[in-house]
PDB file of N, CA and C in Angstrom:
ATOM      1  N   MET A   1      34.151  48.490  80.158  1.00  0.00           N
ATOM      2  CA  MET A   1      32.559  48.809  80.788  1.00  0.00           C
ATOM      3  C   MET A   1      33.182  49.604  81.951  1.00  0.00           C
ATOM      4  N   HIS A   2      32.581  50.829  82.672  1.00  0.00           N
ATOM      5  CA  HIS A   2      33.108  50.943  83.978  1.00  0.00           C
ATOM      6  C   HIS A   2      32.451  50.497  84.901  1.00  0.00           C
ATOM      7  N   SER A   3      33.184  50.356  86.255  1.00  0.00           N
ATOM      8  CA  SER A   3      32.690  49.492  87.467  1.00  0.00           C
ATOM      9  C   SER A   3      31.749  49.849  88.102  1.00  0.00           C
ATOM     10  N   HIS A   4      31.214  51.444  87.707  1.00  0.00           N
ATOM     11  CA  HIS A   4      30.056  52.181  88.393  1.00  0.00           C
ATOM     12  C   HIS A   4      29.544  52.827  87.868  1.00  0.00           C
ATOM     13  N   THR A   5      27.929  52.779  87.954  1.00  0.00           N
ATOM     14  CA  THR A   5      27.239  53.891  86.926  1.00  0.00           C
ATOM     15  C   THR A   5      26.588  54.655  87.914  1.00  0.00           C
ATOM     16  N   LEU A   6      25.940  55.987  88.106  1.00  0.00           N
ATOM     17  CA  LEU A   6      25.294  56.566  88.770  1.00  0.00           C
ATOM     18  C   LEU A   6      24.397  56.918  87.563  1.00  0.00           C
ATOM     19  N   TYR A   7      23.105  56.751  88.621  1.00  0.00           N
ATOM     20  CA  TYR A   7      21.663  56.858  87.853  1.00  0.00           C
ATOM     21  C   TYR A   7      20.717  57.608  88.486  1.00  0.00           C
ATOM     22  N   ALA A   8      20.019  58.530  87.549  1.00  0.00           N
ATOM     23  CA  ALA A   8      19.085  59.318  88.080  1.00  0.00           C
ATOM     24  C   ALA A   8      17.378  59.032  87.167  1.00  0.00           C
ATOM     25  N   TYR A   9      16.878  58.502  88.211  1.00  0.00           N
ATOM     26  CA  TYR A   9      15.429  57.923  87.501  1.00  0.00           C
ATOM     27  C   TYR A   9      14.172  58.724  88.247  1.00  0.00           C
ATOM     28  N   VAL A  10      13.629  58.866  87.354  1.00  0.00           N
ATOM     29  CA  VAL A  10      11.972  59.071  88.061  1.00  0.00           C
ATOM     30  C   VAL A  10      11.537  57.915  88.663  1.00  0.00           C
ATOM     31  N   LEU A  11      10.726  58.506  90.043  1.00  0.00           N
ATOM     32  CA  LEU A  11      10.058  57.728  90.858  1.00  0.00           C
ATOM     33  C   LEU A  11       8.758  57.686  90.434  1.00  0.00           C
ATOM     34  N   ALA A  12       8.141  56.774  90.118  1.00  0.00           N
ATOM     35  CA  ALA A  12       6.419  56.809  90.305  1.00  0.00           C
ATOM     36  C   ALA A  12       5.823  55.736  90.162  1.00  0.00           C
ATOM     37  N   GLU A  13       4.587  55.647  90.242  1.00  0.00           N
ATOM     38  CA  GLU A  13       3.999  54.384  90.633  1.00  0.00           C
ATOM     39  C   GLU A  13       3.937  53.678  89.517  1.00  0.00           C
ATOM     40  N   GLU A  14       3.169  54.885  87.928  1.00  0.00           N
ATOM     41  CA  GLU A  14       3.142  54.294  87.059  1.00  0.00           C
ATOM     42  C   GLU A  14       3.991  54.945  86.178  1.00  0.00           C
ATOM     43  N   PHE A  15       4.392  54.150  84.617  1.00  0.00           N
ATOM     44  CA  PHE A  15       4.964  55.035  84.065  1.00  0.00           C
ATOM     45  C   PHE A  15       4.560  56.500  83.202  1.00  0.00           C
ATOM     46  N   PRO A  16       5.529  57.144  83.287  1.00  0.00           N
ATOM     47  CA  PRO A  16       4.972  58.649  83.221  1.00  0.00           C
ATOM     48  C   PRO A  16       4.187  58.637  81.657  1.00  0.00           C
ATOM     49  N   PHE A  17       3.161  59.323  81.633  1.00  0.00           N
ATOM     50  CA  PHE A  17       2.449  59.882  80.189  1.00  0.00           C
ATOM     51  C   PHE A  17       3.442  60.468  79.203  1.00  0.00           C
ATOM     52  N   ASN A  18       4.116  61.321  80.296  1.00  0.00           N
ATOM     53  CA  ASN A  18       4.631  62.028  79.206  1.00  0.00           C
ATOM     54  C   ASN A  18       6.514  62.289  79.345  1.00  0.00           C
ATOM     55  N   ALA A  19       6.369  60.750  79.496  1.00  0.00           N
ATOM     56  CA  ALA A  19       7.811  60.017  79.600  1.00  0.00           C
ATOM     57  C   ALA A  19       8.614  60.405  77.917  1.00  0.00           C
ATOM     58  N   LYS A  20       8.427  60.800  77.117  1.00  0.00           N
ATOM     59  CA  LYS A  20       9.073  61.091  75.712  1.00  0.00           C
ATOM     60  C   LYS A  20       9.714  62.664  76.273  1.00  0.00           C
ATOM     61  N   ALA A  21       8.558  63.658  76.817  1.00  0.00           N
ATOM     62  CA  ALA A  21       9.030  64.522  76.824  1.00  0.00           C
ATOM     63  C   ALA A  21      10.494  64.894  78.139  1.00  0.00           C
ATOM     64  N   ILE A  22       9.914  63.879  79.338  1.00  0.00           N
ATOM     65  CA  ILE A  22      11.302  63.927  79.971  1.00  0.00           C
ATOM     66  C   ILE A  22      12.689  63.185  79.018  1.00  0.00           C
ATOM     67  N   GLU A  23      12.422  62.127  78.233  1.00  0.00           N
ATOM     68  CA  GLU A  23      13.387  61.951  77.744  1.00  0.00           C
ATOM     69  C   GLU A  23      14.143  63.170  76.564  1.00  0.00           C
ATOM     70  N   ASN A  24      13.491  63.706  75.938  1.00  0.00           N
ATOM     71  CA  ASN A  24      13.919  64.544  74.862  1.00  0.00           C
ATOM     72  C   ASN A  24      14.426  65.790  76.132  1.00  0.00           C
ATOM     73  N   ARG A  25      14.303  66.157  77.040  1.00  0.00           N
ATOM     74  CA  ARG A  25      14.553  67.263  78.036  1.00  0.00           C
ATOM     75  C   ARG A  25      16.008  66.865  78.515  1.00  0.00           C
ATOM     76  N   THR A  26      16.016  65.474  79.045  1.00  0.00           N
ATOM     77  CA  THR A  26      17.110  64.658  79.426  1.00  0.00           C
ATOM     78  C   THR A  26      18.031  64.448  78.271  1.00  0.00           C
ATOM     79  N   MET A  27      17.795  64.225  77.041  1.00  0.00           N
ATOM     80  CA  MET A  27      18.631  64.330  75.891  1.00  0.00           C
ATOM     81  C   MET A  27      19.304  65.865  75.747  1.00  0.00           C
ATOM     82  N   ALA A  28      18.562  66.774  75.833  1.00  0.00           N
ATOM     83  CA  ALA A  28      18.903  68.438  75.783  1.00  0.00           C
ATOM     84  C   ALA A  28      19.887  68.500  76.870  1.00  0.00           C
ATOM     85  N   PHE A  29      19.624  68.121  78.402  1.00  0.00           N
ATOM     86  CA  PHE A  29      20.726  68.488  78.986  1.00  0.00           C
ATOM     87  C   PHE A  29      21.963  67.747  78.725  1.00  0.00           C
ATOM     88  N   ILE A  30      22.171  66.704  78.088  1.00  0.00           N
ATOM     89  CA  ILE A  30      23.317  65.795  78.398  1.00  0.00           C
ATOM     90  C   ILE A  30      24.173  66.567  76.830  1.00  0.00           C
ATOM     91  N   SER A  31      23.038  66.642  76.227  1.00  0.00           N
ATOM     92  CA  SER A  31      23.915  67.173  74.859  1.00  0.00           C
ATOM     93  C   SER A  31      24.837  68.748  74.970  1.00  0.00           C
ATOM     94  N   SER A  32      23.879  69.487  76.022  1.00  0.00           N
ATOM     95  CA  SER A  32      24.268  71.039  76.240  1.00  0.00           C
ATOM     96  C   SER A  32      25.366  70.788  77.712  1.00  0.00           C
ATOM     97  N   HIS A  33      26.049  70.015  77.980  1.00  0.00           N
ATOM     98  CA  HIS A  33      26.608  69.996  79.314  1.00  0.00           C
ATOM     99  C   HIS A  33      27.777  69.880  78.521  1.00  0.00           C
ATOM    100  N   GLU A  34      28.744  70.549  79.621  1.00  0.00           N
ATOM    101  CA  GLU A  34      30.067  69.904  79.162  1.00  0.00           C
ATOM    102  C   GLU A  34      30.684  68.945  79.936  1.00  0.00           C
ATOM    103  N   TRP A  35      31.042  68.040  79.917  1.00  0.00           N
ATOM    104  CA  TRP A  35      31.233  66.680  80.828  1.00  0.00           C
ATOM    105  C   TRP A  35      32.784  66.551  81.068  1.00  0.00           C
ATOM    106  N   LYS A  36      32.611  66.257  82.440  1.00  0.00           N
ATOM    107  CA  LYS A  36      34.326  65.827  82.573  1.00  0.00           C
ATOM    108  C   LYS A  36      34.296  64.330  82.674  1.00  0.00           C
ATOM    109  N   CYS A  37      33.028  63.447  82.855  1.00  0.00           N
ATOM    110  CA  CYS A  37      32.925  62.315  82.661  1.00  0.00           C
ATOM    111  C   CYS A  37      31.742  62.123  81.546  1.00  0.00           C
ATOM    112  N   PRO A  38      32.333  61.858  80.270  1.00  0.00           N
ATOM    113  CA  PRO A  38      31.687  62.101  78.872  1.00  0.00           C
ATOM    114  C   PRO A  38      30.965  60.995  78.718  1.00  0.00           C
ATOM    115  N   ASP A  39      30.896  59.804  79.410  1.00  0.00           N
ATOM    116  CA  ASP A  39      29.599  58.721  79.230  1.00  0.00           C
ATOM    117  C   ASP A  39      28.542  58.688  80.043  1.00  0.00           C
ATOM    118  N   CYS A  40      27.724  59.445  79.655  1.00  0.00           N
ATOM    119  CA  CYS A  40      26.624  59.805  79.799  1.00  0.00           C
ATOM    120  C   CYS A  40      25.417  59.681  78.995  1.00  0.00           C
ATOM    121  N   TRP A  41      24.205  58.909  78.971  1.00  0.00           N
ATOM    122  CA  TRP A  41      23.046  58.751  78.268  1.00  0.00           C
ATOM    123  C   TRP A  41      21.961  58.380  78.559  1.00  0.00           C
ATOM    124  N   ALA A  42      20.778  58.988  78.012  1.00  0.00           N
ATOM    125  CA  ALA A  42      19.389  58.784  78.415  1.00  0.00           C
ATOM    126  C   ALA A  42      19.038  57.649  78.664  1.00  0.00           C
ATOM    127  N   VAL A  43      17.634  57.118  79.381  1.00  0.00           N
ATOM    128  CA  VAL A  43      17.458  56.241  79.456  1.00  0.00           C
ATOM    129  C   VAL A  43      15.983  55.898  79.528  1.00  0.00           C
ATOM    130  N   ASN A  44      15.272  55.311  78.949  1.00  0.00           N
ATOM    131  CA  ASN A  44      13.727  54.977  78.976  1.00  0.00           C
ATOM    132  C   ASN A  44      13.474  53.755  78.614  1.00  0.00           C
ATOM    133  N   GLN A  45      13.363  52.816  79.342  1.00  0.00           N
ATOM    134  CA  GLN A  45      13.144  51.725  79.461  1.00  0.00           C
ATOM    135  C   GLN A  45      12.396  50.788  80.304  1.00  0.00           C
ATOM    136  N   THR A  46      11.773  50.034  79.811  1.00  0.00           N
ATOM    137  CA  THR A  46      10.630  48.972  80.698  1.00  0.00           C
ATOM    138  C   THR A  46      10.705  47.368  80.579  1.00  0.00           C
ATOM    139  N   SER A  47      11.034  47.036  81.874  1.00  0.00           N
ATOM    140  CA  SER A  47      11.729  45.625  82.045  1.00  0.00           C
ATOM    141  C   SER A  47      10.727  44.646  81.819  1.00  0.00           C
ATOM    142  N   GLU A  48      11.056  43.015  81.741  1.00  0.00           N
ATOM    143  CA  GLU A  48       9.878  42.245  81.557  1.00  0.00           C
ATOM    144  C   GLU A  48       8.764  42.238  82.705  1.00  0.00           C
ATOM    145  N   ASN A  49       9.206  42.451  84.287  1.00  0.00           N
ATOM    146  CA  ASN A  49       8.313  42.788  85.302  1.00  0.00           C
ATOM    147  C   ASN A  49       7.760  44.286  85.299  1.00  0.00           C
ATOM    148  N   ALA A  50       7.429  44.822  84.635  1.00  0.00           N
ATOM    149  CA  ALA A  50       6.789  45.984  84.426  1.00  0.00           C
ATOM    150  C   ALA A  50       7.485  47.432  85.036  1.00  0.00           C
ATOM    151  N   THR A  51       8.996  47.244  85.773  1.00  0.00           N
ATOM    152  CA  THR A  51       9.381  48.115  86.419  1.00  0.00           C
ATOM    153  C   THR A  51       9.975  49.012  85.046  1.00  0.00           C
ATOM    154  N   PHE A  52      10.108  50.213  85.114  1.00  0.00           N
ATOM    155  CA  PHE A  52      11.051  51.196  84.292  1.00  0.00           C
ATOM    156  C   PHE A  52      11.776  52.037  84.745  1.00  0.00           C
ATOM    157  N   GLU A  53      12.513  52.316  84.023  1.00  0.00           N
ATOM    158  CA  GLU A  53      13.346  53.532  84.318  1.00  0.00           C
ATOM    159  C   GLU A  53      13.383  54.388  83.314  1.00  0.00           C
ATOM    160  N   LEU A  54      13.673  55.405  83.908  1.00  0.00           N
ATOM    161  CA  LEU A  54      13.483  56.802  83.275  1.00  0.00           C
ATOM    162  C   LEU A  54      14.706  58.171  83.665  1.00  0.00           C
ATOM    163  N   GLY A  55      15.252  58.356  83.026  1.00  0.00           N
ATOM    164  CA  GLY A  55      16.292  59.408  83.338  1.00  0.00           C
ATOM    165  C   GLY A  55      17.434  59.477  82.480  1.00  0.00           C
ATOM    166  N   LEU A  56      18.760  59.261  83.406  1.00  0.00           N
ATOM    167  CA  LEU A  56      19.991  58.929  82.592  1.00  0.00           C
ATOM    168  C   LEU A  56      20.894  58.180  83.514  1.00  0.00           C
ATOM    169  N   ASN A  57      21.736  57.876  82.662  1.00  0.00           N
ATOM    170  CA  ASN A  57      23.049  57.128  83.848  1.00  0.00           C
ATOM    171  C   ASN A  57      24.227  57.837  83.067  1.00  0.00           C
ATOM    172  N   MET A  58      25.027  57.794  84.053  1.00  0.00           N
ATOM    173  CA  MET A  58      26.301  58.521  83.884  1.00  0.00           C
ATOM    174  C   MET A  58      27.696  57.576  84.379  1.00  0.00           C
ATOM    175  N   ALA A  59      28.761  57.129  83.409  1.00  0.00           N
ATOM    176  CA  ALA A  59      29.444  56.358  84.005  1.00  0.00           C
ATOM    177  C   ALA A  59      30.321  56.916  84.893  1.00  0.00           C
ATOM    178  N   LEU A  60      30.735  56.659  86.314  1.00  0.00           N
ATOM    179  CA  LEU A  60      31.680  57.218  87.351  1.00  0.00           C
ATOM    180  C   LEU A  60      33.023  56.940  86.852  1.00  0.00           C
ATOM    181  N   PRO A  61      33.962  57.669  87.147  1.00  0.00           N
ATOM    182  CA  PRO A  61      35.238  57.575  86.669  1.00  0.00           C
ATOM    183  C   PRO A  61      36.102  56.224  87.622  1.00  0.00           C
ATOM    184  N   GLU A  62      36.777  55.503  87.245  1.00  0.00           N
ATOM    185  CA  GLU A  62      37.610  54.581  88.390  1.00  0.00           C
ATOM    186  C   GLU A  62      37.976  55.313  89.553  1.00  0.00           C
ATOM    187  N   PRO A  63      38.081  54.574  90.734  1.00  0.00           N
ATOM    188  CA  PRO A  63      38.654  55.183  91.940  1.00  0.00           C
ATOM    189  C   PRO A  63      40.335  55.509  91.251  1.00  0.00           C
ATOM    190  N   ASN A  64      40.659  56.603  91.808  1.00  0.00           N
ATOM    191  CA  ASN A  64      42.147  57.609  92.006  1.00  0.00           C
ATOM    192  C   ASN A  64      42.551  57.189  90.426  1.00  0.00           C
ATOM    193  N   GLN A  65      41.243  57.512  89.523  1.00  0.00           N
ATOM    194  CA  GLN A  65      41.584  58.112  87.746  1.00  0.00           C
ATOM    195  C   GLN A  65      40.674  59.136  87.642  1.00  0.00           C
ATOM    196  N   GLU A  66      40.100  60.017  88.788  1.00  0.00           N
ATOM    197  CA  GLU A  66      39.178  60.786  88.815  1.00  0.00           C
ATOM    198  C   GLU A  66      39.549  61.969  88.111  1.00  0.00           C
ATOM    199  N   PRO A  67      39.283  62.311  86.928  1.00  0.00           N
ATOM    200  CA  PRO A  67      39.695  63.836  86.379  1.00  0.00           C
ATOM    201  C   PRO A  67      39.311  64.839  87.046  1.00  0.00           C
ATOM    202  N   LEU A  68      40.025  65.889  87.421  1.00  0.00           N
ATOM    203  CA  LEU A  68      39.742  67.220  88.094  1.00  0.00           C
ATOM    204  C   LEU A  68      38.484  67.812  88.092  1.00  0.00           C
ATOM    205  N   GLY A  69      37.989  67.800  88.569  1.00  0.00           N
ATOM    206  CA  GLY A  69      36.078  68.722  88.557  1.00  0.00           C
ATOM    207  C   GLY A  69      35.065  67.544  88.341  1.00  0.00           C
ATOM    208  N   TRP A  70      35.331  66.054  88.438  1.00  0.00           N
ATOM    209  CA  TRP A  70      34.408  65.650  87.863  1.00  0.00           C
ATOM    210  C   TRP A  70      33.114  65.009  89.023  1.00  0.00           C
ATOM    211  N   TYR A  71      33.360  65.502  89.944  1.00  0.00           N
ATOM    212  CA  TYR A  71      31.827  65.804  90.891  1.00  0.00           C
ATOM    213  C   TYR A  71      30.915  66.924  90.695  1.00  0.00           C
ATOM    214  N   GLN A  72      31.638  67.627  89.533  1.00  0.00           N
ATOM    215  CA  GLN A  72      30.542  68.551  89.184  1.00  0.00           C
ATOM    216  C   GLN A  72      29.402  68.413  88.289  1.00  0.00           C
ATOM    217  N   ASP A  73      30.315  67.171  87.979  1.00  0.00           N
ATOM    218  CA  ASP A  73      28.849  66.621  86.757  1.00  0.00           C
ATOM    219  C   ASP A  73      27.807  65.756  87.529  1.00  0.00           C
ATOM    220  N   VAL A  74      28.055  65.012  88.628  1.00  0.00           N
ATOM    221  CA  VAL A  74      27.158  64.726  89.873  1.00  0.00           C
ATOM    222  C   VAL A  74      26.527  65.786  90.105  1.00  0.00           C
ATOM    223  N   GLU A  75      26.825  67.073  90.721  1.00  0.00           N
ATOM    224  CA  GLU A  75      25.977  68.040  90.936  1.00  0.00           C
ATOM    225  C   GLU A  75      25.072  68.149  90.102  1.00  0.00           C
ATOM    226  N   ALA A  76      25.461  68.534  88.639  1.00  0.00           N
ATOM    227  CA  ALA A  76      24.623  68.894  87.641  1.00  0.00           C
ATOM    228  C   ALA A  76      23.747  68.130  87.649  1.00  0.00           C
ATOM    229  N   VAL A  77      23.696  67.227  87.655  1.00  0.00           N
ATOM    230  CA  VAL A  77      22.763  65.647  87.296  1.00  0.00           C
ATOM    231  C   VAL A  77      21.677  66.048  88.494  1.00  0.00           C
ATOM    232  N   VAL A  78      22.324  66.336  89.557  1.00  0.00           N
ATOM    233  CA  VAL A  78      21.009  66.467  90.933  1.00  0.00           C
ATOM    234  C   VAL A  78      20.424  67.827  90.546  1.00  0.00           C
ATOM    235  N   GLN A  79      21.143  68.899  90.160  1.00  0.00           N
ATOM    236  CA  GLN A  79      20.195  70.103  89.664  1.00  0.00           C
ATOM    237  C   GLN A  79      19.217  69.834  88.824  1.00  0.00           C
ATOM    238  N   PHE A  80      19.688  69.276  87.741  1.00  0.00           N
ATOM    239  CA  PHE A  80      18.911  68.626  86.538  1.00  0.00           C
ATOM    240  C   PHE A  80      17.801  68.129  87.279  1.00  0.00           C
ATOM    241  N   CYS A  81      17.679  66.982  87.908  1.00  0.00           N
ATOM    242  CA  CYS A  81      16.586  66.218  88.402  1.00  0.00           C
ATOM    243  C   CYS A  81      15.679  67.131  89.322  1.00  0.00           C
ATOM    244  N   SER A  82      16.563  68.128  90.114  1.00  0.00           N
ATOM    245  CA  SER A  82      15.469  68.873  90.890  1.00  0.00           C
ATOM    246  C   SER A  82      14.697  69.918  89.841  1.00  0.00           C
ATOM    247  N   GLU A  83      15.187  70.270  88.863  1.00  0.00           N
ATOM    248  CA  GLU A  83      14.358  71.197  87.651  1.00  0.00           C
ATOM    249  C   GLU A  83      13.525  70.193  87.025  1.00  0.00           C
ATOM    250  N   LEU A  84      13.761  69.010  86.680  1.00  0.00           N
ATOM    251  CA  LEU A  84      12.745  68.412  86.057  1.00  0.00           C
ATOM    252  C   LEU A  84      11.881  68.041  87.193  1.00  0.00           C
ATOM    253  N   ARG A  85      11.943  67.579  88.519  1.00  0.00           N
ATOM    254  CA  ARG A  85      10.690  67.396  89.606  1.00  0.00           C
ATOM    255  C   ARG A  85       9.859  68.684  89.536  1.00  0.00           C
ATOM    256  N   ARG A  86      10.798  70.119  89.488  1.00  0.00           N
ATOM    257  CA  ARG A  86       9.484  71.049  89.673  1.00  0.00           C
ATOM    258  C   ARG A  86       8.510  71.151  88.278  1.00  0.00           C
ATOM    259  N   GLU A  87       9.021  70.985  87.009  1.00  0.00           N
ATOM    260  CA  GLU A  87       8.604  71.135  85.714  1.00  0.00           C
ATOM    261  C   GLU A  87       7.422  69.775  85.530  1.00  0.00           C
ATOM    262  N   PHE A  88       7.698  68.542  85.886  1.00  0.00           N
ATOM    263  CA  PHE A  88       7.235  67.505  85.866  1.00  0.00           C
ATOM    264  C   PHE A  88       6.251  67.076  87.173  1.00  0.00           C
ATOM    265  N   SER A  89       6.236  67.548  87.688  1.00  0.00           N
ATOM    266  CA  SER A  89       5.896  66.827  89.486  1.00  0.00           C
ATOM    267  C   SER A  89       6.063  65.686  89.845  1.00  0.00           C
ATOM    268  N   TYR A  90       7.488  65.084  89.092  1.00  0.00           N
ATOM    269  CA  TYR A  90       8.031  63.901  89.351  1.00  0.00           C
ATOM    270  C   TYR A  90       9.177  63.857  90.709  1.00  0.00           C
ATOM    271  N   ASP A  91       8.980  62.954  91.295  1.00  0.00           N
ATOM    272  CA  ASP A  91      10.556  62.876  92.233  1.00  0.00           C
ATOM    273  C   ASP A  91      11.365  62.076  91.756  1.00  0.00           C
ATOM    274  N   PHE A  92      12.833  61.774  91.954  1.00  0.00           N
ATOM    275  CA  PHE A  92      13.892  61.248  91.325  1.00  0.00           C
ATOM    276  C   PHE A  92      14.557  60.381  92.287  1.00  0.00           C
ATOM    277  N   VAL A  93      14.998  59.415  91.620  1.00  0.00           N
ATOM    278  CA  VAL A  93      15.886  58.847  92.828  1.00  0.00           C
ATOM    279  C   VAL A  93      17.208  58.598  92.117  1.00  0.00           C
ATOM    280  N   ILE A  94      18.460  59.190  92.984  1.00  0.00           N
ATOM    281  CA  ILE A  94      19.974  58.788  92.410  1.00  0.00           C
ATOM    282  C   ILE A  94      20.161  57.987  93.037  1.00  0.00           C
ATOM    283  N   GLY A  95      21.400  57.189  92.644  1.00  0.00           N
ATOM    284  CA  GLY A  95      21.635  55.823  92.894  1.00  0.00           C
ATOM    285  C   GLY A  95      23.117  55.218  92.078  1.00  0.00           C
ATOM    286  N   ILE A  96      23.693  53.969  92.954  1.00  0.00           N
ATOM    287  CA  ILE A  96      25.190  53.937  92.262  1.00  0.00           C
ATOM    288  C   ILE A  96      24.900  52.511  91.495  1.00  0.00           C
ATOM    289  N   SER A  97      24.758  51.894  90.194  1.00  0.00           N
ATOM    290  CA  SER A  97      25.232  50.605  90.261  1.00  0.00           C
ATOM    291  C   SER A  97      26.287  49.876  89.646  1.00  0.00           C
ATOM    292  N   ASN A  98      26.874  48.699  90.133  1.00  0.00           N
ATOM    293  CA  ASN A  98      28.024  48.017  89.414  1.00  0.00           C
ATOM    294  C   ASN A  98      27.974  47.128  88.391  1.00  0.00           C
ATOM    295  N   LYS A  99      28.933  46.648  87.859  1.00  0.00           N
ATOM    296  CA  LYS A  99      28.814  46.154  86.713  1.00  0.00           C
ATOM    297  C   LYS A  99      28.167  44.588  86.807  1.00  0.00           C
ATOM    298  N   SER A 100      28.405  44.461  87.514  1.00  0.00           N
ATOM    299  CA  SER A 100      27.599  42.964  87.848  1.00  0.00           C
ATOM    300  C   SER A 100      25.887  42.775  88.360  1.00  0.00           C
ATOM    301  N   GLY A 101      25.610  44.147  88.248  1.00  0.00           N
ATOM    302  CA  GLY A 101      23.937  44.481  88.093  1.00  0.00           C
ATOM    303  C   GLY A 101      23.274  44.831  89.526  1.00  0.00           C
ATOM    304  N   MET A 102      24.108  44.648  90.716  1.00  0.00           N
ATOM    305  CA  MET A 102      23.701  45.423  92.053  1.00  0.00           C
ATOM    306  C   MET A 102      23.689  46.832  91.846  1.00  0.00           C
ATOM    307  N   SER A 103      22.406  47.738  92.773  1.00  0.00           N
ATOM    308  CA  SER A 103      22.316  48.484  92.805  1.00  0.00           C
ATOM    309  C   SER A 103      22.076  49.362  93.682  1.00  0.00           C
ATOM    310  N   GLU A 104      22.294  50.401  94.426  1.00  0.00           N
ATOM    311  CA  GLU A 104      21.827  50.789  95.527  1.00  0.00           C
ATOM    312  C   GLU A 104      21.458  52.619  95.391  1.00  0.00           C
ATOM    313  N   ASP A 105      19.889  52.608  95.675  1.00  0.00           N
ATOM    314  CA  ASP A 105      19.520  53.807  95.961  1.00  0.00           C
ATOM    315  C   ASP A 105      20.100  54.762  96.830  1.00  0.00           C
ATOM    316  N   ILE A 106      20.385  56.052  96.749  1.00  0.00           N
ATOM    317  CA  ILE A 106      21.500  56.980  97.493  1.00  0.00           C
ATOM    318  C   ILE A 106      20.471  57.691  98.233  1.00  0.00           C
ATOM    319  N   ILE A 107      19.768  58.678  97.032  1.00  0.00           N
ATOM    320  CA  ILE A 107      19.012  59.722  97.627  1.00  0.00           C
ATOM    321  C   ILE A 107      17.813  59.838  96.641  1.00  0.00           C
ATOM    322  N   GLU A 108      16.515  60.791  97.176  1.00  0.00           N
ATOM    323  CA  GLU A 108      15.784  60.857  96.528  1.00  0.00           C
ATOM    324  C   GLU A 108      15.803  62.356  96.129  1.00  0.00           C
ATOM    325  N   ILE A 109      15.165  62.939  95.225  1.00  0.00           N
ATOM    326  CA  ILE A 109      15.028  64.452  94.770  1.00  0.00           C
ATOM    327  C   ILE A 109      13.833  64.675  95.195  1.00  0.00           C
ATOM    328  N   ASP A 110      13.063  64.932  96.023  1.00  0.00           N
ATOM    329  CA  ASP A 110      12.061  65.160  96.394  1.00  0.00           C
ATOM    330  C   ASP A 110      11.568  66.432  97.422  1.00  0.00           C
ATOM    331  N   SER A 111      12.742  67.457  97.014  1.00  0.00           N
ATOM    332  CA  SER A 111      12.273  68.809  97.455  1.00  0.00           C
ATOM    333  C   SER A 111      13.271  69.596  96.819  1.00  0.00           C
ATOM    334  N   ASP A 112      13.174  70.968  96.929  1.00  0.00           N
ATOM    335  CA  ASP A 112      14.136  71.994  96.256  1.00  0.00           C
ATOM    336  C   ASP A 112      15.916  72.220  96.610  1.00  0.00           C
ATOM    337  N   SER A 113      15.862  71.339  97.737  1.00  0.00           N
ATOM    338  CA  SER A 113      17.195  71.170  98.875  1.00  0.00           C
ATOM    339  C   SER A 113      17.733  69.793  98.809  1.00  0.00           C
ATOM    340  N   PRO A 114      18.302  68.914  97.618  1.00  0.00           N
ATOM    341  CA  PRO A 114      18.112  67.718  97.915  1.00  0.00           C
ATOM    342  C   PRO A 114      19.872  67.743  98.797  1.00  0.00           C
ATOM    343  N   ASN A 115      20.235  66.560  99.616  1.00  0.00           N
ATOM    344  CA  ASN A 115      21.002  66.318 100.264  1.00  0.00           C
ATOM    345  C   ASN A 115      22.495  65.966  99.630  1.00  0.00           C
ATOM    346  N   LEU A 116      22.791  67.105  98.714  1.00  0.00           N
ATOM    347  CA  LEU A 116      24.183  66.777  98.371  1.00  0.00           C
ATOM    348  C   LEU A 116      25.621  66.277  99.221  1.00  0.00           C
ATOM    349  N   GLU A 117      25.435  66.933 100.755  1.00  0.00           N
ATOM    350  CA  GLU A 117      26.633  66.489 101.372  1.00  0.00           C
ATOM    351  C   GLU A 117      26.423  65.034 101.498  1.00  0.00           C
ATOM    352  N   TYR A 118      25.126  64.507 101.778  1.00  0.00           N
ATOM    353  CA  TYR A 118      25.275  62.905 102.140  1.00  0.00           C
ATOM    354  C   TYR A 118      25.672  62.709 100.715  1.00  0.00           C
ATOM    355  N   LEU A 119      25.138  62.921  99.622  1.00  0.00           N
ATOM    356  CA  LEU A 119      25.468  62.315  98.290  1.00  0.00           C
ATOM    357  C   LEU A 119      27.191  62.012  97.994  1.00  0.00           C
ATOM    358  N   ARG A 120      27.941  63.014  98.663  1.00  0.00           N
ATOM    359  CA  ARG A 120      29.261  63.522  98.542  1.00  0.00           C
ATOM    360  C   ARG A 120      29.929  62.327  99.051  1.00  0.00           C
ATOM    361  N   LYS A 121      29.383  62.394 100.459  1.00  0.00           N
ATOM    362  CA  LYS A 121      29.932  61.115 101.309  1.00  0.00           C
ATOM    363  C   LYS A 121      30.027  60.237 101.030  1.00  0.00           C
ATOM    364  N   PHE A 122      28.490  59.241 100.294  1.00  0.00           N
ATOM    365  CA  PHE A 122      28.661  57.987 100.006  1.00  0.00           C
ATOM    366  C   PHE A 122      29.434  57.612  98.931  1.00  0.00           C
ATOM    367  N   ILE A 123      29.762  58.314  98.037  1.00  0.00           N
ATOM    368  CA  ILE A 123      30.264  58.214  96.747  1.00  0.00           C
ATOM    369  C   ILE A 123      31.843  58.700  97.175  1.00  0.00           C
ATOM    370  N   GLY A 124      32.140  58.898  98.037  1.00  0.00           N
ATOM    371  CA  GLY A 124      33.412  58.848  98.492  1.00  0.00           C
ATOM    372  C   GLY A 124      33.938  60.054  97.900  1.00  0.00           C
ATOM    373  N   VAL A 125      33.555  61.125  97.512  1.00  0.00           N
ATOM    374  CA  VAL A 125      34.426  61.962  97.170  1.00  0.00           C
ATOM    375  C   VAL A 125      35.367  63.290  98.506  1.00  0.00           C
ATOM    376  N   GLY A 126      36.452  63.530  97.352  1.00  0.00           N
ATOM    377  CA  GLY A 126      37.372  64.254  98.963  1.00  0.00           C
ATOM    378  C   GLY A 126      36.975  65.817  98.104  1.00  0.00           C
ATOM    379  N   ASN A 127      37.958  66.683  99.386  1.00  0.00           N
ATOM    380  CA  ASN A 127      37.540  67.883  99.350  1.00  0.00           C
ATOM    381  C   ASN A 127      38.116  68.386  97.737  1.00  0.00           C
ATOM    382  N   GLN A 128      38.965  67.978  96.883  1.00  0.00           N
ATOM    383  CA  GLN A 128      39.687  67.950  96.014  1.00  0.00           C
ATOM    384  C   GLN A 128      38.669  68.253  94.526  1.00  0.00           C
ATOM    385  N   CYS A 129      37.263  67.464  94.627  1.00  0.00           N
ATOM    386  CA  CYS A 129      36.489  67.242  93.433  1.00  0.00           C
ATOM    387  C   CYS A 129      35.504  68.726  93.480  1.00  0.00           C
TER     388      CYS A 129
END
């Protein structure tokens, strides 16, 4: 299991009526992208307390073991969320969770210009990626 997972989920008060369409678009995106971080999967689940997760997860490489260009995968996820936002009219949240279940939201995709620089700094990506 990876130490950290990037998540990109729909932000909505209620489970989206078009969740299956979002899930299908997500699966198509995952299968069409050439991943440097190949462990990426669609998520469509509801928990016991009626919260839901709809979007995707991507296992992040271990520190100091990152393949060259891996951060391009993160940027592609953000761009994809921006596309879904325009298509389905839902904002998205990008965050990181660890294997013990702790998670932290980093940025919201609530415009066509998400703060990629803040995301890069938060994750701790050097200039070589």
